[in-house]
Amino acid sequence: MSLIGETAGPPAAEIIKDGTDASFMADVVEASKTTPVIVDFWAPWCGPCRQLGPAIEKAVLAAKGAVKLVKIDIDKNPAYAKQLRVQSIPAVFAFVDGRPADSFLGALPESEVKQFVDRLAKQGGGAGSPVDGLLDMARESLELGDLGGAAQAYAGVLQEDPANLKALGGLAKVYIQSGDATRAREVVAMAPDGAKDPDLDSVRASLALAEDAPSETTEVEARLAADPADHAARFELARALAGQGKFAEACDHLLAIIEADREWNEGAARKQLLTVFEAAGHASEVAKAGRRRLSAVLFS
């Protein structure tokens, strides 16, 4: 049910309208140069779209003209949805100064929708860089496991700034998490020589672990089951798990070796553990918990 007309302020028709591919430049790009514009890509058959639509309308109307809303049926108007790489709906983009400045995917709770609109309304014409907004959205999507949304946002950043290290590192991380090491290597190769970024470093470490990982673990698992003190077998299993991105499990095995024999094989387990921390990301829970456990072992 539409909520148009329920709030005082400018006429609802001036704030919320149905857009088309033909009117996109005028309704969104040009209009956003004076007032932030939210674009809601939806379709009549999409249940979450019907849930999200009224919440966005309500929040936009409550902003009383500080933000505008353009609703676009992607079945009838697919061009700009394709250009923005919309892969699932509902997909919501905020445009400021003619460019995407923020976005989200899916039917968020009404309170979060209101926060999104209020934040945009407060920014107004002085909103932050669209690149910063897309990077924030990409990081949030990646943390939530929404790889498609993260890839879409990182790709948007790279359209604006092809050499952006955070976007290159983030996109490479998306490919690593989706199991596409080849594409991850291609993205890492796009970064300038010597470029440093935590996500790039994480992906490089992940690729190194994958290249070094055994492909078959049946034998070492059998050896370890027969003799839990077989450090060589446990180390090989940890290498295999790390190569598959199962960092927490790899850490468990490596820490078990260190706890039993800190100097085994010239400290190989500890060296491998540090590489796993880097691959997982030094700020990740895996790395934080692993470092705490390593400290407890080394200083006990």
C-alpha atoms as a PDB file:
ATOM      1  CA  MET A   1       0.000   0.000   0.000  1.00  0.00           C
ATOM      2  CA  SER A   2       1.442   3.350  -0.998  1.00  0.00           C
ATOM      3  CA  LEU A   3       2.046   5.881   1.699  1.00  0.00           C
ATOM      4  CA  ILE A   4       2.122   8.843  -0.662  1.00  0.00           C
ATOM      5  CA  GLY A   5       0.183  11.786   0.681  1.00  0.00           C
ATOM      6  CA  GLU A   6       0.344  10.932   4.381  1.00  0.00           C
ATOM      7  CA  THR A   7       2.929  13.555   5.414  1.00  0.00           C
ATOM      8  CA  ALA A   8       2.904  17.323   5.198  1.00  0.00           C
ATOM      9  CA  GLY A   9       5.526  19.072   3.112  1.00  0.00           C
ATOM     10  CA  PRO A  10       6.049  19.467  -0.644  1.00  0.00           C
ATOM     11  CA  PRO A  11       3.493  17.691  -2.833  1.00  0.00           C
ATOM     12  CA  ALA A  12       4.111  13.953  -2.769  1.00  0.00           C
ATOM     13  CA  ALA A  13       4.269  13.827  -6.557  1.00  0.00           C
ATOM     14  CA  GLU A  14       7.317  16.105  -6.441  1.00  0.00           C
ATOM     15  CA  ILE A  15       9.100  13.839  -3.963  1.00  0.00           C
ATOM     16  CA  ILE A  16       8.205  10.332  -5.149  1.00  0.00           C
ATOM     17  CA  LYS A  17       7.721   9.297  -8.743  1.00  0.00           C
ATOM     18  CA  ASP A  18       7.858   6.275 -11.036  1.00  0.00           C
ATOM     19  CA  GLY A  19      10.919   6.491 -13.248  1.00  0.00           C
ATOM     20  CA  THR A  20      11.892   4.980 -16.581  1.00  0.00           C
ATOM     21  CA  ASP A  21      15.087   4.419 -18.496  1.00  0.00           C
ATOM     22  CA  ALA A  22      14.106   7.363 -20.701  1.00  0.00           C
ATOM     23  CA  SER A  23      13.661   9.715 -17.722  1.00  0.00           C
ATOM     24  CA  PHE A  24      16.595   8.442 -15.654  1.00  0.00           C
ATOM     25  CA  MET A  25      19.018  11.210 -16.617  1.00  0.00           C
ATOM     26  CA  ALA A  26      16.529  13.949 -15.745  1.00  0.00           C
ATOM     27  CA  ASP A  27      14.830  12.341 -12.731  1.00  0.00           C
ATOM     28  CA  VAL A  28      17.952  10.927 -11.107  1.00  0.00           C
ATOM     29  CA  VAL A  29      21.282  12.169 -12.443  1.00  0.00           C
ATOM     30  CA  GLU A  30      20.391  15.824 -13.035  1.00  0.00           C
ATOM     31  CA  ALA A  31      17.952  16.059 -10.111  1.00  0.00           C
ATOM     32  CA  SER A  32      20.562  14.698  -7.688  1.00  0.00           C
ATOM     33  CA  LYS A  33      22.792  17.682  -8.393  1.00  0.00           C
ATOM     34  CA  THR A  34      20.446  19.782  -6.259  1.00  0.00           C
ATOM     35  CA  THR A  35      18.701  17.204  -4.017  1.00  0.00           C
ATOM     36  CA  PRO A  36      19.807  13.654  -3.135  1.00  0.00           C
ATOM     37  CA  VAL A  37      17.777  11.082  -5.064  1.00  0.00           C
ATOM     38  CA  ILE A  38      17.088   7.513  -3.953  1.00  0.00           C
ATOM     39  CA  VAL A  39      16.460   4.988  -6.728  1.00  0.00           C
ATOM     40  CA  ASP A  40      14.468   1.884  -5.805  1.00  0.00           C
ATOM     41  CA  PHE A  41      14.882  -0.878  -8.410  1.00  0.00           C
ATOM     42  CA  TRP A  42      11.948  -3.262  -7.982  1.00  0.00           C
ATOM     43  CA  ALA A  43       9.531  -5.562  -9.855  1.00  0.00           C
ATOM     44  CA  PRO A  44       5.842  -6.404  -9.280  1.00  0.00           C
ATOM     45  CA  TRP A  45       6.607 -10.101  -8.696  1.00  0.00           C
ATOM     46  CA  CYS A  46       9.217  -9.382  -5.975  1.00  0.00           C
ATOM     47  CA  GLY A  47       7.838  -9.978  -2.476  1.00  0.00           C
ATOM     48  CA  PRO A  48      10.664  -8.220  -0.602  1.00  0.00           C
ATOM     49  CA  CYS A  49      10.193  -5.240  -2.929  1.00  0.00           C
ATOM     50  CA  ARG A  50       6.575  -4.885  -1.832  1.00  0.00           C
ATOM     51  CA  GLN A  51       7.765  -5.038   1.777  1.00  0.00           C
ATOM     52  CA  LEU A  52      10.503  -2.450   1.304  1.00  0.00           C
ATOM     53  CA  GLY A  53       8.623   0.029  -0.898  1.00  0.00           C
ATOM     54  CA  PRO A  54       6.251   1.454   1.739  1.00  0.00           C
ATOM     55  CA  ALA A  55       9.102   1.819   4.252  1.00  0.00           C
ATOM     56  CA  ILE A  56      11.169   3.865   1.805  1.00  0.00           C
ATOM     57  CA  GLU A  57       8.189   6.025   0.834  1.00  0.00           C
ATOM     58  CA  LYS A  58       7.365   6.688   4.480  1.00  0.00           C
ATOM     59  CA  ALA A  59      10.947   7.713   5.307  1.00  0.00           C
ATOM     60  CA  VAL A  60      11.298   9.885   2.206  1.00  0.00           C
ATOM     61  CA  LEU A  61       8.029  11.676   2.876  1.00  0.00           C
ATOM     62  CA  ALA A  62       9.097  12.238   6.486  1.00  0.00           C
ATOM     63  CA  ALA A  63      12.235  13.982   5.158  1.00  0.00           C
ATOM     64  CA  LYS A  64       9.894  16.645   3.674  1.00  0.00           C
ATOM     65  CA  GLY A  65      11.735  17.310   0.457  1.00  0.00           C
ATOM     66  CA  ALA A  66      15.322  16.834   1.646  1.00  0.00           C
ATOM     67  CA  VAL A  67      15.451  13.615  -0.374  1.00  0.00           C
ATOM     68  CA  LYS A  68      13.577  12.415  -3.457  1.00  0.00           C
ATOM     69  CA  LEU A  69      12.604   8.886  -4.484  1.00  0.00           C
ATOM     70  CA  VAL A  70      12.425   7.393  -7.963  1.00  0.00           C
ATOM     71  CA  LYS A  71      10.937   3.896  -8.264  1.00  0.00           C
ATOM     72  CA  ILE A  72      11.985   1.893 -11.341  1.00  0.00           C
ATOM     73  CA  ASP A  73      10.358  -1.354 -12.474  1.00  0.00           C
ATOM     74  CA  ILE A  74      13.342  -3.295 -13.858  1.00  0.00           C
ATOM     75  CA  ASP A  75      11.129  -5.577 -15.960  1.00  0.00           C
ATOM     76  CA  LYS A  76       9.991  -2.582 -18.001  1.00  0.00           C
ATOM     77  CA  ASN A  77      13.186  -0.548 -17.626  1.00  0.00           C
ATOM     78  CA  PRO A  78      16.265  -2.814 -17.461  1.00  0.00           C
ATOM     79  CA  ALA A  79      18.935  -0.514 -18.927  1.00  0.00           C
ATOM     80  CA  TYR A  80      20.150   1.423 -15.887  1.00  0.00           C
ATOM     81  CA  ALA A  81      19.703  -1.552 -13.569  1.00  0.00           C
ATOM     82  CA  LYS A  82      22.061  -3.438 -15.871  1.00  0.00           C
ATOM     83  CA  GLN A  83      24.475  -0.503 -16.023  1.00  0.00           C
ATOM     84  CA  LEU A  84      24.599  -0.388 -12.209  1.00  0.00           C
ATOM     85  CA  ARG A  85      25.096  -4.162 -12.180  1.00  0.00           C
ATOM     86  CA  VAL A  86      21.969  -4.904 -10.207  1.00  0.00           C
ATOM     87  CA  GLN A  87      21.944  -8.677  -9.706  1.00  0.00           C
ATOM     88  CA  SER A  88      19.098  -8.990  -7.222  1.00  0.00           C
ATOM     89  CA  ILE A  89      16.184  -6.856  -6.059  1.00  0.00           C
ATOM     90  CA  PRO A  90      15.192  -4.829  -4.225  1.00  0.00           C
ATOM     91  CA  ALA A  91      18.307  -2.771  -4.915  1.00  0.00           C
ATOM     92  CA  VAL A  92      18.439   0.797  -3.635  1.00  0.00           C
ATOM     93  CA  PHE A  93      20.940   3.445  -4.743  1.00  0.00           C
ATOM     94  CA  ALA A  94      21.398   6.980  -3.437  1.00  0.00           C
ATOM     95  CA  PHE A  95      22.579   9.515  -6.019  1.00  0.00           C
ATOM     96  CA  VAL A  96      24.314  12.761  -5.052  1.00  0.00           C
ATOM     97  CA  ASP A  97      25.839  15.257  -7.474  1.00  0.00           C
ATOM     98  CA  GLY A  98      24.935  13.023 -10.397  1.00  0.00           C
ATOM     99  CA  ARG A  99      26.682   9.902  -9.113  1.00  0.00           C
ATOM    100  CA  PRO A 100      25.948   6.903  -6.837  1.00  0.00           C
ATOM    101  CA  ALA A 101      26.899   7.778  -3.266  1.00  0.00           C
ATOM    102  CA  ASP A 102      25.464   4.876  -1.242  1.00  0.00           C
ATOM    103  CA  SER A 103      23.338   1.772  -1.699  1.00  0.00           C
ATOM    104  CA  PHE A 104      21.903  -1.334  -0.094  1.00  0.00           C
ATOM    105  CA  LEU A 105      20.327  -4.595  -1.195  1.00  0.00           C
ATOM    106  CA  GLY A 106      17.343  -6.465   0.168  1.00  0.00           C
ATOM    107  CA  ALA A 107      14.405  -5.523   2.358  1.00  0.00           C
ATOM    108  CA  LEU A 108      15.959  -3.870   5.404  1.00  0.00           C
ATOM    109  CA  PRO A 109      13.975  -3.309   8.611  1.00  0.00           C
ATOM    110  CA  GLU A 110      12.039  -0.031   8.634  1.00  0.00           C
ATOM    111  CA  SER A 111      14.352   1.458  11.274  1.00  0.00           C
ATOM    112  CA  GLU A 112      17.415   0.880   9.069  1.00  0.00           C
ATOM    113  CA  VAL A 113      15.638   2.284   6.021  1.00  0.00           C
ATOM    114  CA  LYS A 114      14.842   5.427   8.013  1.00  0.00           C
ATOM    115  CA  GLN A 115      18.486   5.732   9.090  1.00  0.00           C
ATOM    116  CA  PHE A 116      19.605   5.407   5.460  1.00  0.00           C
ATOM    117  CA  VAL A 117      17.218   8.151   4.328  1.00  0.00           C
ATOM    118  CA  ASP A 118      17.942  10.404   7.307  1.00  0.00           C
ATOM    119  CA  ARG A 119      21.682  10.090   6.773  1.00  0.00           C
ATOM    120  CA  LEU A 120      21.278  11.078   3.135  1.00  0.00           C
ATOM    121  CA  ALA A 121      18.960  13.958   4.017  1.00  0.00           C
ATOM    122  CA  LYS A 122      21.488  15.373   6.500  1.00  0.00           C
ATOM    123  CA  GLN A 123      24.290  15.139   3.953  1.00  0.00           C
ATOM    124  CA  GLY A 124      22.298  16.911   1.269  1.00  0.00           C
ATOM    125  CA  GLY A 125      24.348  18.428  -1.505  1.00  0.00           C
ATOM    126  CA  GLY A 126      27.481  18.117   0.590  1.00  0.00           C
ATOM    127  CA  ALA A 127      27.383  14.330   0.781  1.00  0.00           C
ATOM    128  CA  GLY A 128      30.669  12.522   0.982  1.00  0.00           C
ATOM    129  CA  SER A 129      32.479  10.983  -1.919  1.00  0.00           C
ATOM    130  CA  PRO A 130      30.426   8.402  -3.830  1.00  0.00           C
ATOM    131  CA  VAL A 131      33.490   6.197  -3.709  1.00  0.00           C
ATOM    132  CA  ASP A 132      33.508   6.321   0.101  1.00  0.00           C
ATOM    133  CA  GLY A 133      29.817   5.468   0.233  1.00  0.00           C
ATOM    134  CA  LEU A 134      30.214   2.501  -2.102  1.00  0.00           C
ATOM    135  CA  LEU A 135      33.253   1.260  -0.179  1.00  0.00           C
ATOM    136  CA  ASP A 136      31.289   1.375   3.077  1.00  0.00           C
ATOM    137  CA  MET A 137      28.434  -0.547   1.492  1.00  0.00           C
ATOM    138  CA  ALA A 138      30.836  -3.084  -0.030  1.00  0.00           C
ATOM    139  CA  ARG A 139      32.521  -3.737   3.316  1.00  0.00           C
ATOM    140  CA  GLU A 140      29.173  -4.190   5.036  1.00  0.00           C
ATOM    141  CA  SER A 141      28.002  -6.590   2.321  1.00  0.00           C
ATOM    142  CA  LEU A 142      31.210  -8.609   2.577  1.00  0.00           C
ATOM    143  CA  GLU A 143      30.894  -8.829   6.367  1.00  0.00           C
ATOM    144  CA  LEU A 144      27.321 -10.080   5.964  1.00  0.00           C
ATOM    145  CA  GLY A 145      28.363 -12.689   3.414  1.00  0.00           C
ATOM    146  CA  ASP A 146      26.574 -10.950   0.548  1.00  0.00           C
ATOM    147  CA  LEU A 147      29.281 -11.603  -2.045  1.00  0.00           C
ATOM    148  CA  GLY A 148      27.140 -10.459  -4.972  1.00  0.00           C
ATOM    149  CA  GLY A 149      26.353  -7.138  -3.318  1.00  0.00           C
ATOM    150  CA  ALA A 150      29.975  -6.616  -2.322  1.00  0.00           C
ATOM    151  CA  ALA A 151      31.218  -7.369  -5.847  1.00  0.00           C
ATOM    152  CA  GLN A 152      28.672  -4.968  -7.295  1.00  0.00           C
ATOM    153  CA  ALA A 153      29.734  -2.141  -4.984  1.00  0.00           C
ATOM    154  CA  TYR A 154      33.471  -2.712  -5.437  1.00  0.00           C
ATOM    155  CA  ALA A 155      32.988  -2.762  -9.205  1.00  0.00           C
ATOM    156  CA  GLY A 156      31.168   0.567  -8.902  1.00  0.00           C
ATOM    157  CA  VAL A 157      34.158   2.050  -7.090  1.00  0.00           C
ATOM    158  CA  LEU A 158      36.537   0.777  -9.760  1.00  0.00           C
ATOM    159  CA  GLN A 159      34.415   2.423 -12.444  1.00  0.00           C
ATOM    160  CA  GLU A 160      35.061   5.735 -10.685  1.00  0.00           C
ATOM    161  CA  ASP A 161      38.651   5.004  -9.646  1.00  0.00           C
ATOM    162  CA  PRO A 162      40.261   2.018 -11.462  1.00  0.00           C
ATOM    163  CA  ALA A 163      43.366   2.129  -9.239  1.00  0.00           C
ATOM    164  CA  ASN A 164      41.530   2.236  -5.885  1.00  0.00           C
ATOM    165  CA  LEU A 165      43.487  -0.207  -3.685  1.00  0.00           C
ATOM    166  CA  LYS A 166      40.666  -0.804  -1.207  1.00  0.00           C
ATOM    167  CA  ALA A 167      38.301  -1.746  -4.035  1.00  0.00           C
ATOM    168  CA  LEU A 168      40.882  -3.976  -5.714  1.00  0.00           C
ATOM    169  CA  GLY A 169      41.656  -5.708  -2.421  1.00  0.00           C
ATOM    170  CA  GLY A 170      37.988  -6.060  -1.551  1.00  0.00           C
ATOM    171  CA  LEU A 171      37.002  -7.428  -4.959  1.00  0.00           C
ATOM    172  CA  ALA A 172      39.887  -9.907  -4.868  1.00  0.00           C
ATOM    173  CA  LYS A 173      38.686 -11.000  -1.430  1.00  0.00           C
ATOM    174  CA  VAL A 174      35.185 -11.549  -2.832  1.00  0.00           C
ATOM    175  CA  TYR A 175      36.627 -13.853  -5.492  1.00  0.00           C
ATOM    176  CA  ILE A 176      38.699 -15.724  -2.903  1.00  0.00           C
ATOM    177  CA  GLN A 177      35.621 -16.291  -0.747  1.00  0.00           C
ATOM    178  CA  SER A 178      33.623 -17.473  -3.771  1.00  0.00           C
ATOM    179  CA  GLY A 179      36.352 -19.972  -4.662  1.00  0.00           C
ATOM    180  CA  ASP A 180      37.558 -18.247  -7.824  1.00  0.00           C
ATOM    181  CA  ALA A 181      41.314 -18.005  -7.270  1.00  0.00           C
ATOM    182  CA  THR A 182      41.976 -17.244 -10.941  1.00  0.00           C
ATOM    183  CA  ARG A 183      39.871 -14.081 -10.908  1.00  0.00           C
ATOM    184  CA  ALA A 184      41.359 -13.113  -7.544  1.00  0.00           C
ATOM    185  CA  ARG A 185      44.875 -13.294  -9.028  1.00  0.00           C
ATOM    186  CA  GLU A 186      43.769 -11.165 -11.991  1.00  0.00           C
ATOM    187  CA  VAL A 187      42.424  -8.460  -9.680  1.00  0.00           C
ATOM    188  CA  VAL A 188      45.543  -8.499  -7.481  1.00  0.00           C
ATOM    189  CA  ALA A 189      47.657  -8.126 -10.628  1.00  0.00           C
ATOM    190  CA  MET A 190      45.815  -4.869 -11.409  1.00  0.00           C
ATOM    191  CA  ALA A 191      47.333  -3.221  -8.323  1.00  0.00           C
ATOM    192  CA  PRO A 192      50.559  -1.225  -8.821  1.00  0.00           C
ATOM    193  CA  ASP A 193      53.787  -3.009  -7.935  1.00  0.00           C
ATOM    194  CA  GLY A 194      54.520  -2.720  -4.245  1.00  0.00           C
ATOM    195  CA  ALA A 195      51.011  -1.487  -3.417  1.00  0.00           C
ATOM    196  CA  LYS A 196      50.058  -2.221   0.197  1.00  0.00           C
ATOM    197  CA  ASP A 197      46.514  -2.751   1.433  1.00  0.00           C
ATOM    198  CA  PRO A 198      45.261  -5.112   4.173  1.00  0.00           C
ATOM    199  CA  ASP A 199      42.776  -6.844   1.862  1.00  0.00           C
ATOM    200  CA  LEU A 200      45.366  -7.190  -0.906  1.00  0.00           C
ATOM    201  CA  ASP A 201      47.838  -8.652   1.593  1.00  0.00           C
ATOM    202  CA  SER A 202      45.137 -11.014   2.843  1.00  0.00           C
ATOM    203  CA  VAL A 203      44.355 -12.226  -0.676  1.00  0.00           C
ATOM    204  CA  ARG A 204      48.040 -12.664  -1.540  1.00  0.00           C
ATOM    205  CA  ALA A 205      48.470 -14.797   1.586  1.00  0.00           C
ATOM    206  CA  SER A 206      45.342 -16.802   0.748  1.00  0.00           C
ATOM    207  CA  LEU A 207      46.596 -17.460  -2.773  1.00  0.00           C
ATOM    208  CA  ALA A 208      49.975 -18.558  -1.433  1.00  0.00           C
ATOM    209  CA  LEU A 209      48.287 -20.954   0.997  1.00  0.00           C
ATOM    210  CA  ALA A 210      46.087 -22.357  -1.774  1.00  0.00           C
ATOM    211  CA  GLU A 211      49.046 -22.923  -4.086  1.00  0.00           C
ATOM    212  CA  ASP A 212      50.961 -24.675  -1.315  1.00  0.00           C
ATOM    213  CA  ALA A 213      48.069 -26.814  -0.074  1.00  0.00           C
ATOM    214  CA  PRO A 214      47.924 -30.608  -0.528  1.00  0.00           C
ATOM    215  CA  SER A 215      44.994 -31.673  -2.696  1.00  0.00           C
ATOM    216  CA  GLU A 216      44.456 -35.005  -0.965  1.00  0.00           C
ATOM    217  CA  THR A 217      44.138 -35.438   2.803  1.00  0.00           C
ATOM    218  CA  THR A 218      42.858 -38.989   3.230  1.00  0.00           C
ATOM    219  CA  GLU A 219      46.281 -40.395   4.091  1.00  0.00           C
ATOM    220  CA  VAL A 220      47.246 -37.692   6.603  1.00  0.00           C
ATOM    221  CA  GLU A 221      43.829 -37.848   8.270  1.00  0.00           C
ATOM    222  CA  ALA A 222      44.284 -41.606   8.709  1.00  0.00           C
ATOM    223  CA  ARG A 223      47.792 -41.086  10.099  1.00  0.00           C
ATOM    224  CA  LEU A 224      46.539 -38.454  12.527  1.00  0.00           C
ATOM    225  CA  ALA A 225      43.663 -40.649  13.668  1.00  0.00           C
ATOM    226  CA  ALA A 226      46.143 -43.450  14.388  1.00  0.00           C
ATOM    227  CA  ASP A 227      48.623 -41.155  16.132  1.00  0.00           C
ATOM    228  CA  PRO A 228      47.466 -37.701  17.368  1.00  0.00           C
ATOM    229  CA  ALA A 229      51.126 -36.873  18.105  1.00  0.00           C
ATOM    230  CA  ASP A 230      52.064 -37.160  14.407  1.00  0.00           C
ATOM    231  CA  HIS A 231      52.902 -33.490  13.942  1.00  0.00           C
ATOM    232  CA  ALA A 232      53.869 -33.887  10.301  1.00  0.00           C
ATOM    233  CA  ALA A 233      50.437 -35.303   9.454  1.00  0.00           C
ATOM    234  CA  ARG A 234      48.696 -32.585  11.474  1.00  0.00           C
ATOM    235  CA  PHE A 235      50.774 -29.925   9.714  1.00  0.00           C
ATOM    236  CA  GLU A 236      49.848 -31.282   6.270  1.00  0.00           C
ATOM    237  CA  LEU A 237      46.173 -31.323   7.245  1.00  0.00           C
ATOM    238  CA  ALA A 238      46.429 -27.724   8.485  1.00  0.00           C
ATOM    239  CA  ARG A 239      47.996 -26.703   5.153  1.00  0.00           C
ATOM    240  CA  ALA A 240      45.132 -28.327   3.276  1.00  0.00           C
ATOM    241  CA  LEU A 241      42.489 -26.660   5.440  1.00  0.00           C
ATOM    242  CA  ALA A 242      44.154 -23.250   5.082  1.00  0.00           C
ATOM    243  CA  GLY A 243      44.275 -23.673   1.332  1.00  0.00           C
ATOM    244  CA  GLN A 244      40.518 -24.283   1.355  1.00  0.00           C
ATOM    245  CA  GLY A 245      39.940 -21.100   3.356  1.00  0.00           C
ATOM    246  CA  LYS A 246      39.073 -22.999   6.541  1.00  0.00           C
ATOM    247  CA  PHE A 247      41.302 -20.761   8.607  1.00  0.00           C
ATOM    248  CA  ALA A 248      39.826 -21.432  12.041  1.00  0.00           C
ATOM    249  CA  GLU A 249      40.261 -25.197  11.659  1.00  0.00           C
ATOM    250  CA  ALA A 250      43.791 -24.738  10.315  1.00  0.00           C
ATOM    251  CA  CYS A 251      44.628 -22.573  13.343  1.00  0.00           C
ATOM    252  CA  ASP A 252      43.358 -25.254  15.714  1.00  0.00           C
ATOM    253  CA  HIS A 253      45.751 -27.833  14.268  1.00  0.00           C
ATOM    254  CA  LEU A 254      48.734 -25.492  14.100  1.00  0.00           C
ATOM    255  CA  LEU A 255      48.203 -24.336  17.670  1.00  0.00           C
ATOM    256  CA  ALA A 256      47.985 -27.975  18.780  1.00  0.00           C
ATOM    257  CA  ILE A 257      51.439 -28.570  17.283  1.00  0.00           C
ATOM    258  CA  ILE A 258      52.883 -25.431  18.917  1.00  0.00           C
ATOM    259  CA  GLU A 259      51.409 -26.372  22.275  1.00  0.00           C
ATOM    260  CA  ALA A 260      52.990 -29.841  22.068  1.00  0.00           C
ATOM    261  CA  ASP A 261      56.343 -28.728  20.630  1.00  0.00           C
ATOM    262  CA  ARG A 262      56.998 -25.042  20.040  1.00  0.00           C
ATOM    263  CA  GLU A 263      60.157 -25.642  18.019  1.00  0.00           C
ATOM    264  CA  TRP A 264      58.952 -28.565  15.921  1.00  0.00           C
ATOM    265  CA  ASN A 265      60.486 -28.494  12.438  1.00  0.00           C
ATOM    266  CA  GLU A 266      62.267 -25.203  13.151  1.00  0.00           C
ATOM    267  CA  GLY A 267      59.050 -23.448  14.135  1.00  0.00           C
ATOM    268  CA  ALA A 268      57.193 -24.381  10.927  1.00  0.00           C
ATOM    269  CA  ALA A 269      53.781 -24.432  12.628  1.00  0.00           C
ATOM    270  CA  ARG A 270      54.206 -20.941  14.034  1.00  0.00           C
ATOM    271  CA  LYS A 271      55.357 -19.543  10.680  1.00  0.00           C
ATOM    272  CA  GLN A 272      52.385 -21.147   8.943  1.00  0.00           C
ATOM    273  CA  LEU A 273      50.058 -19.815  11.629  1.00  0.00           C
ATOM    274  CA  LEU A 274      51.190 -16.236  10.984  1.00  0.00           C
ATOM    275  CA  THR A 275      50.464 -16.677   7.274  1.00  0.00           C
ATOM    276  CA  VAL A 276      46.992 -17.967   8.133  1.00  0.00           C
ATOM    277  CA  PHE A 277      46.391 -14.889  10.307  1.00  0.00           C
ATOM    278  CA  GLU A 278      47.358 -12.666   7.377  1.00  0.00           C
ATOM    279  CA  ALA A 279      45.089 -14.576   4.991  1.00  0.00           C
ATOM    280  CA  ALA A 280      42.148 -14.386   7.400  1.00  0.00           C
ATOM    281  CA  GLY A 281      42.840 -10.680   7.954  1.00  0.00           C
ATOM    282  CA  HIS A 282      44.667  -9.330  10.977  1.00  0.00           C
ATOM    283  CA  ALA A 283      41.461  -7.708  12.253  1.00  0.00           C
ATOM    284  CA  SER A 284      39.395 -10.891  11.805  1.00  0.00           C
ATOM    285  CA  GLU A 285      38.029 -12.873  14.724  1.00  0.00           C
ATOM    286  CA  VAL A 286      40.070 -15.862  13.556  1.00  0.00           C
ATOM    287  CA  ALA A 287      43.306 -13.872  13.853  1.00  0.00           C
ATOM    288  CA  LYS A 288      42.343 -12.171  17.117  1.00  0.00           C
ATOM    289  CA  ALA A 289      41.371 -15.434  18.804  1.00  0.00           C
ATOM    290  CA  GLY A 290      44.396 -17.201  17.350  1.00  0.00           C
ATOM    291  CA  ARG A 291      46.817 -14.569  18.623  1.00  0.00           C
ATOM    292  CA  ARG A 292      45.309 -14.787  22.106  1.00  0.00           C
ATOM    293  CA  ARG A 293      45.702 -18.559  22.101  1.00  0.00           C
ATOM    294  CA  LEU A 294      49.250 -18.322  20.714  1.00  0.00           C
ATOM    295  CA  SER A 295      50.224 -15.868  23.470  1.00  0.00           C
ATOM    296  CA  ALA A 296      48.747 -18.134  26.100  1.00  0.00           C
ATOM    297  CA  VAL A 297      50.834 -21.039  24.777  1.00  0.00           C
ATOM    298  CA  LEU A 298      54.085 -19.103  24.388  1.00  0.00           C
ATOM    299  CA  PHE A 299      53.922 -17.338  27.735  1.00  0.00           C
ATOM    300  CA  SER A 300      52.427 -20.071  29.866  1.00  0.00           C
END
